[in-house]
Amino acid sequence: MERVDIEMPLVKKRNNTFEPFNRDKLRLAMQVSCGKRPVASSQIDKVVAEIEWKIIQNNQEHVTTRELGEAVMRALRGIDEIAYIRYASVYKRFRDVEEMIEGMRDLLTIETGRDTPGEA
């Protein structure tokens, strides 16, 4: 597969430093989250390409790690819930089990469209 080289914006990190956008780093983070899950490599490639395309379309000087993380979580939520929780646990830096459970509750609320999981 051929790719056109396009100048990607820099990535602004949480500590206000910048680094070049790294498609491989984004892909690797997703691969780790999807490890031993029924997620095809082509699904990960598609998400990475979609994220790249959105970044290019926005025509910004930089993209934040927060924007990238949120984009990955939105995509993983639709692909595999376990991969989503794995990624979210690192990205959101859950401090304890309670925070992780709250993240799972958020996922269940979104999935079911209910305000509280378990509501009828």
N, C-alpha and C. Protein backbone atom coordinates (compact mmCIF):
# COMPACT_ATOMS: atom_id res chain seq x y z
N MET A 1 0.84 -1.17 0.00
CA MET A 1 0.00 0.00 0.00
C MET A 1 0.89 1.24 0.00
N GLU A 2 0.63 2.14 -0.91
CA GLU A 2 1.40 3.37 -0.99
C GLU A 2 0.73 4.46 -0.17
N ARG A 3 1.55 5.34 0.39
CA ARG A 3 1.04 6.47 1.15
C ARG A 3 1.71 7.72 0.66
N VAL A 4 0.95 8.79 0.61
CA VAL A 4 1.50 10.08 0.26
C VAL A 4 2.04 10.70 1.53
N ASP A 5 3.26 11.24 1.46
CA ASP A 5 3.82 11.89 2.63
C ASP A 5 3.22 13.28 2.77
N ILE A 6 2.54 13.49 3.87
CA ILE A 6 1.92 14.76 4.18
C ILE A 6 2.50 15.23 5.51
N GLU A 7 2.81 16.50 5.58
CA GLU A 7 3.34 17.06 6.82
C GLU A 7 2.25 17.02 7.89
N MET A 8 2.46 16.21 8.90
CA MET A 8 1.49 16.09 9.99
C MET A 8 1.80 17.16 11.04
N PRO A 9 0.76 17.63 11.71
CA PRO A 9 1.01 18.59 12.79
C PRO A 9 1.75 17.93 13.94
N LEU A 10 2.35 18.74 14.77
CA LEU A 10 3.02 18.23 15.95
C LEU A 10 2.00 17.79 16.99
N VAL A 11 2.43 16.93 17.89
CA VAL A 11 1.58 16.48 18.98
C VAL A 11 2.01 17.23 20.24
N LYS A 12 1.03 17.90 20.85
CA LYS A 12 1.29 18.62 22.09
C LYS A 12 0.99 17.69 23.26
N LYS A 13 2.02 17.43 24.06
CA LYS A 13 1.91 16.50 25.17
C LYS A 13 1.38 17.22 26.41
N ARG A 14 1.03 16.45 27.43
CA ARG A 14 0.46 17.01 28.67
C ARG A 14 1.39 18.00 29.34
N ASN A 15 2.70 17.80 29.19
CA ASN A 15 3.67 18.69 29.83
C ASN A 15 4.03 19.89 28.96
N ASN A 16 3.20 20.13 27.93
CA ASN A 16 3.35 21.27 27.00
C ASN A 16 4.57 21.19 26.09
N THR A 17 5.17 20.01 25.97
CA THR A 17 6.22 19.83 24.98
C THR A 17 5.57 19.29 23.70
N PHE A 18 6.31 19.34 22.63
CA PHE A 18 5.80 18.88 21.34
C PHE A 18 6.69 17.78 20.80
N GLU A 19 6.07 16.88 20.05
CA GLU A 19 6.83 15.85 19.36
C GLU A 19 6.15 15.59 18.02
N PRO A 20 6.88 15.05 17.07
CA PRO A 20 6.26 14.74 15.77
C PRO A 20 5.17 13.68 15.93
N PHE A 21 4.11 13.79 15.13
CA PHE A 21 3.08 12.76 15.12
C PHE A 21 3.72 11.46 14.69
N ASN A 22 3.41 10.38 15.41
CA ASN A 22 4.00 9.09 15.12
C ASN A 22 2.88 8.05 14.96
N ARG A 23 2.57 7.76 13.72
CA ARG A 23 1.50 6.80 13.40
C ARG A 23 1.78 5.44 14.02
N ASP A 24 3.05 5.02 14.04
CA ASP A 24 3.41 3.72 14.59
C ASP A 24 3.16 3.67 16.10
N LYS A 25 3.41 4.77 16.79
CA LYS A 25 3.19 4.83 18.22
C LYS A 25 1.69 4.71 18.52
N LEU A 26 0.87 5.38 17.73
CA LEU A 26 -0.58 5.30 17.88
C LEU A 26 -1.06 3.88 17.63
N ARG A 27 -0.55 3.27 16.57
CA ARG A 27 -0.93 1.91 16.22
C ARG A 27 -0.51 0.92 17.31
N LEU A 28 0.70 1.09 17.84
CA LEU A 28 1.20 0.20 18.88
C LEU A 28 0.34 0.28 20.14
N ALA A 29 -0.06 1.49 20.53
CA ALA A 29 -0.91 1.65 21.70
C ALA A 29 -2.23 0.90 21.52
N MET A 30 -2.77 0.96 20.32
CA MET A 30 -4.00 0.24 20.04
C MET A 30 -3.77 -1.27 20.03
N GLN A 31 -2.66 -1.70 19.44
CA GLN A 31 -2.35 -3.13 19.39
C GLN A 31 -2.22 -3.71 20.80
N VAL A 32 -1.56 -2.99 21.68
CA VAL A 32 -1.39 -3.46 23.06
C VAL A 32 -2.75 -3.61 23.72
N SER A 33 -3.61 -2.62 23.54
CA SER A 33 -4.95 -2.66 24.14
C SER A 33 -5.79 -3.80 23.57
N CYS A 34 -5.56 -4.13 22.32
CA CYS A 34 -6.34 -5.17 21.64
C CYS A 34 -5.70 -6.54 21.74
N GLY A 35 -4.59 -6.64 22.46
CA GLY A 35 -3.88 -7.91 22.57
C GLY A 35 -4.78 -9.06 23.01
N LYS A 36 -4.70 -10.17 22.31
CA LYS A 36 -5.48 -11.38 22.59
C LYS A 36 -6.99 -11.15 22.56
N ARG A 37 -7.42 -10.14 21.82
CA ARG A 37 -8.84 -9.85 21.63
C ARG A 37 -9.17 -10.12 20.16
N PRO A 38 -10.43 -10.34 19.83
CA PRO A 38 -10.80 -10.63 18.44
C PRO A 38 -10.87 -9.36 17.59
N VAL A 39 -9.74 -8.68 17.51
CA VAL A 39 -9.65 -7.44 16.73
C VAL A 39 -8.63 -7.66 15.63
N ALA A 40 -9.06 -7.50 14.41
CA ALA A 40 -8.17 -7.70 13.26
C ALA A 40 -7.21 -6.53 13.13
N SER A 41 -6.03 -6.85 12.65
CA SER A 41 -5.03 -5.84 12.39
C SER A 41 -5.56 -4.78 11.42
N SER A 42 -6.38 -5.21 10.49
CA SER A 42 -6.95 -4.27 9.52
C SER A 42 -7.89 -3.27 10.19
N GLN A 43 -8.55 -3.69 11.27
CA GLN A 43 -9.42 -2.76 12.00
C GLN A 43 -8.58 -1.66 12.65
N ILE A 44 -7.46 -2.04 13.23
CA ILE A 44 -6.56 -1.07 13.85
C ILE A 44 -6.02 -0.12 12.80
N ASP A 45 -5.58 -0.68 11.67
CA ASP A 45 -5.05 0.16 10.58
C ASP A 45 -6.10 1.16 10.10
N LYS A 46 -7.34 0.72 10.02
CA LYS A 46 -8.42 1.60 9.56
C LYS A 46 -8.63 2.75 10.54
N VAL A 47 -8.63 2.45 11.83
CA VAL A 47 -8.82 3.49 12.84
C VAL A 47 -7.67 4.49 12.80
N VAL A 48 -6.44 4.01 12.71
CA VAL A 48 -5.28 4.89 12.65
C VAL A 48 -5.38 5.79 11.43
N ALA A 49 -5.76 5.23 10.29
CA ALA A 49 -5.90 6.03 9.07
C ALA A 49 -7.00 7.08 9.22
N GLU A 50 -8.11 6.70 9.85
CA GLU A 50 -9.20 7.66 10.06
C GLU A 50 -8.77 8.79 10.98
N ILE A 51 -8.04 8.47 12.04
CA ILE A 51 -7.55 9.50 12.95
C ILE A 51 -6.59 10.43 12.22
N GLU A 52 -5.69 9.86 11.45
CA GLU A 52 -4.76 10.68 10.67
C GLU A 52 -5.51 11.61 9.72
N TRP A 53 -6.52 11.08 9.05
CA TRP A 53 -7.28 11.86 8.09
C TRP A 53 -7.99 13.03 8.77
N LYS A 54 -8.57 12.78 9.94
CA LYS A 54 -9.24 13.86 10.68
C LYS A 54 -8.25 14.94 11.10
N ILE A 55 -7.06 14.53 11.50
CA ILE A 55 -6.03 15.49 11.88
C ILE A 55 -5.66 16.35 10.68
N ILE A 56 -5.47 15.73 9.55
CA ILE A 56 -5.12 16.45 8.33
C ILE A 56 -6.23 17.43 7.94
N GLN A 57 -7.48 16.96 8.01
CA GLN A 57 -8.62 17.80 7.64
C GLN A 57 -8.75 19.02 8.55
N ASN A 58 -8.39 18.89 9.81
CA ASN A 58 -8.50 20.01 10.74
C ASN A 58 -7.50 21.11 10.45
N ASN A 59 -6.43 20.77 9.74
CA ASN A 59 -5.44 21.76 9.31
C ASN A 59 -4.93 22.63 10.47
N GLN A 60 -4.60 21.98 11.57
CA GLN A 60 -4.10 22.69 12.75
C GLN A 60 -2.59 22.55 12.82
N GLU A 61 -1.97 23.47 13.56
CA GLU A 61 -0.53 23.39 13.76
C GLU A 61 -0.14 22.23 14.66
N HIS A 62 -1.03 21.91 15.60
CA HIS A 62 -0.74 20.79 16.49
C HIS A 62 -2.05 20.12 16.90
N VAL A 63 -1.89 18.90 17.40
CA VAL A 63 -2.99 18.13 17.96
C VAL A 63 -2.54 17.71 19.35
N THR A 64 -3.45 17.70 20.30
CA THR A 64 -3.06 17.35 21.67
C THR A 64 -3.15 15.83 21.87
N THR A 65 -2.40 15.37 22.85
CA THR A 65 -2.48 13.94 23.19
C THR A 65 -3.89 13.62 23.69
N ARG A 66 -4.54 14.59 24.28
CA ARG A 66 -5.92 14.38 24.73
C ARG A 66 -6.84 14.11 23.55
N GLU A 67 -6.71 14.90 22.49
CA GLU A 67 -7.53 14.69 21.29
C GLU A 67 -7.26 13.31 20.69
N LEU A 68 -6.00 12.93 20.64
CA LEU A 68 -5.65 11.62 20.11
C LEU A 68 -6.22 10.51 20.99
N GLY A 69 -6.05 10.64 22.29
CA GLY A 69 -6.56 9.63 23.21
C GLY A 69 -8.06 9.48 23.14
N GLU A 70 -8.77 10.58 23.07
CA GLU A 70 -10.23 10.54 22.97
C GLU A 70 -10.66 9.88 21.66
N ALA A 71 -9.96 10.17 20.57
CA ALA A 71 -10.28 9.56 19.28
C ALA A 71 -10.08 8.05 19.32
N VAL A 72 -8.99 7.61 19.95
CA VAL A 72 -8.72 6.18 20.07
C VAL A 72 -9.80 5.52 20.93
N MET A 73 -10.16 6.16 22.04
CA MET A 73 -11.18 5.57 22.92
C MET A 73 -12.53 5.47 22.22
N ARG A 74 -12.92 6.50 21.46
CA ARG A 74 -14.18 6.43 20.71
C ARG A 74 -14.17 5.25 19.75
N ALA A 75 -13.05 5.08 19.07
CA ALA A 75 -12.94 3.98 18.10
C ALA A 75 -12.97 2.62 18.80
N LEU A 76 -12.19 2.47 19.86
CA LEU A 76 -12.13 1.19 20.56
C LEU A 76 -13.47 0.84 21.20
N ARG A 77 -14.20 1.83 21.66
CA ARG A 77 -15.50 1.58 22.26
C ARG A 77 -16.40 0.84 21.27
N GLY A 78 -16.28 1.19 19.99
CA GLY A 78 -17.09 0.56 18.96
C GLY A 78 -16.55 -0.76 18.46
N ILE A 79 -15.29 -1.03 18.72
CA ILE A 79 -14.65 -2.26 18.22
C ILE A 79 -14.66 -3.37 19.26
N ASP A 80 -14.19 -3.05 20.48
CA ASP A 80 -14.06 -4.08 21.51
C ASP A 80 -14.04 -3.40 22.88
N GLU A 81 -15.02 -3.74 23.71
CA GLU A 81 -15.16 -3.09 25.01
C GLU A 81 -13.98 -3.35 25.94
N ILE A 82 -13.42 -4.56 25.88
CA ILE A 82 -12.28 -4.87 26.74
C ILE A 82 -11.06 -4.06 26.31
N ALA A 83 -10.84 -3.95 25.02
CA ALA A 83 -9.72 -3.14 24.52
C ALA A 83 -9.92 -1.68 24.93
N TYR A 84 -11.17 -1.22 24.89
CA TYR A 84 -11.49 0.14 25.32
C TYR A 84 -11.09 0.34 26.79
N ILE A 85 -11.49 -0.58 27.66
CA ILE A 85 -11.18 -0.45 29.09
C ILE A 85 -9.67 -0.51 29.31
N ARG A 86 -9.00 -1.39 28.59
CA ARG A 86 -7.54 -1.47 28.72
C ARG A 86 -6.89 -0.14 28.35
N TYR A 87 -7.29 0.41 27.21
CA TYR A 87 -6.72 1.68 26.76
C TYR A 87 -7.07 2.79 27.74
N ALA A 88 -8.34 2.84 28.14
CA ALA A 88 -8.80 3.89 29.06
C ALA A 88 -8.06 3.83 30.39
N SER A 89 -7.75 2.62 30.86
CA SER A 89 -7.08 2.50 32.15
C SER A 89 -5.69 3.13 32.13
N VAL A 90 -5.03 3.09 30.98
CA VAL A 90 -3.72 3.73 30.85
C VAL A 90 -3.90 5.21 30.53
N TYR A 91 -4.76 5.51 29.57
CA TYR A 91 -4.94 6.89 29.13
C TYR A 91 -5.49 7.78 30.25
N LYS A 92 -6.50 7.27 30.96
CA LYS A 92 -7.12 8.08 32.02
C LYS A 92 -6.39 7.95 33.35
N ARG A 93 -5.39 7.06 33.38
CA ARG A 93 -4.56 6.88 34.57
C ARG A 93 -5.39 6.60 35.82
N PHE A 94 -6.23 5.57 35.71
CA PHE A 94 -7.04 5.19 36.86
C PHE A 94 -6.13 4.99 38.06
N ARG A 95 -6.52 5.57 39.18
CA ARG A 95 -5.70 5.46 40.39
C ARG A 95 -6.02 4.22 41.20
N ASP A 96 -7.25 3.74 41.04
CA ASP A 96 -7.65 2.57 41.82
C ASP A 96 -8.80 1.86 41.11
N VAL A 97 -9.24 0.77 41.73
CA VAL A 97 -10.30 -0.05 41.14
C VAL A 97 -11.60 0.74 41.01
N GLU A 98 -11.88 1.60 41.97
CA GLU A 98 -13.12 2.39 41.93
C GLU A 98 -13.18 3.26 40.67
N GLU A 99 -12.06 3.89 40.33
CA GLU A 99 -12.03 4.71 39.11
C GLU A 99 -12.24 3.85 37.88
N MET A 100 -11.67 2.65 37.89
CA MET A 100 -11.84 1.76 36.75
C MET A 100 -13.30 1.31 36.65
N ILE A 101 -13.91 1.00 37.77
CA ILE A 101 -15.32 0.60 37.76
C ILE A 101 -16.18 1.73 37.23
N GLU A 102 -15.87 2.96 37.61
CA GLU A 102 -16.62 4.11 37.10
C GLU A 102 -16.46 4.23 35.58
N GLY A 103 -15.27 3.95 35.09
CA GLY A 103 -15.05 3.96 33.64
C GLY A 103 -15.90 2.90 32.95
N MET A 104 -16.02 1.74 33.58
CA MET A 104 -16.86 0.68 33.01
C MET A 104 -18.33 1.07 33.07
N ARG A 105 -18.74 1.73 34.14
CA ARG A 105 -20.12 2.21 34.23
C ARG A 105 -20.41 3.19 33.10
N ASP A 106 -19.46 4.09 32.83
CA ASP A 106 -19.63 5.04 31.73
C ASP A 106 -19.82 4.30 30.42
N LEU A 107 -19.03 3.26 30.20
CA LEU A 107 -19.15 2.47 28.99
C LEU A 107 -20.52 1.82 28.90
N LEU A 108 -20.97 1.23 29.99
CA LEU A 108 -22.28 0.59 29.99
C LEU A 108 -23.40 1.59 29.76
N THR A 109 -23.29 2.76 30.33
CA THR A 109 -24.30 3.80 30.14
C THR A 109 -24.36 4.20 28.67
N ILE A 110 -23.22 4.36 28.05
CA ILE A 110 -23.17 4.73 26.63
C ILE A 110 -23.73 3.61 25.76
N GLU A 111 -23.34 2.36 26.08
CA GLU A 111 -23.77 1.22 25.28
C GLU A 111 -25.27 1.00 25.34
N THR A 112 -25.85 1.16 26.54
CA THR A 112 -27.27 0.87 26.70
C THR A 112 -28.15 2.09 26.46
N GLY A 113 -27.56 3.27 26.48
CA GLY A 113 -28.32 4.49 26.30
C GLY A 113 -29.12 4.87 27.53
N ARG A 114 -28.81 4.25 28.66
CA ARG A 114 -29.51 4.53 29.92
C ARG A 114 -28.68 5.44 30.79
N ASP A 115 -29.35 6.11 31.70
CA ASP A 115 -28.65 6.97 32.64
C ASP A 115 -27.87 6.16 33.68
N THR A 116 -28.42 5.05 34.10
CA THR A 116 -27.77 4.20 35.10
C THR A 116 -27.76 2.77 34.61
N PRO A 117 -26.60 2.13 34.60
CA PRO A 117 -26.56 0.74 34.18
C PRO A 117 -27.51 -0.11 35.02
N GLY A 118 -28.21 -1.02 34.37
CA GLY A 118 -29.12 -1.90 35.07
C GLY A 118 -30.54 -1.38 35.12
N GLU A 119 -30.74 -0.11 34.72
CA GLU A 119 -32.11 0.43 34.68
C GLU A 119 -32.89 -0.22 33.57
N ALA A 120 -34.16 -0.40 33.78
CA ALA A 120 -35.00 -0.98 32.75
C ALA A 120 -35.68 0.11 31.95
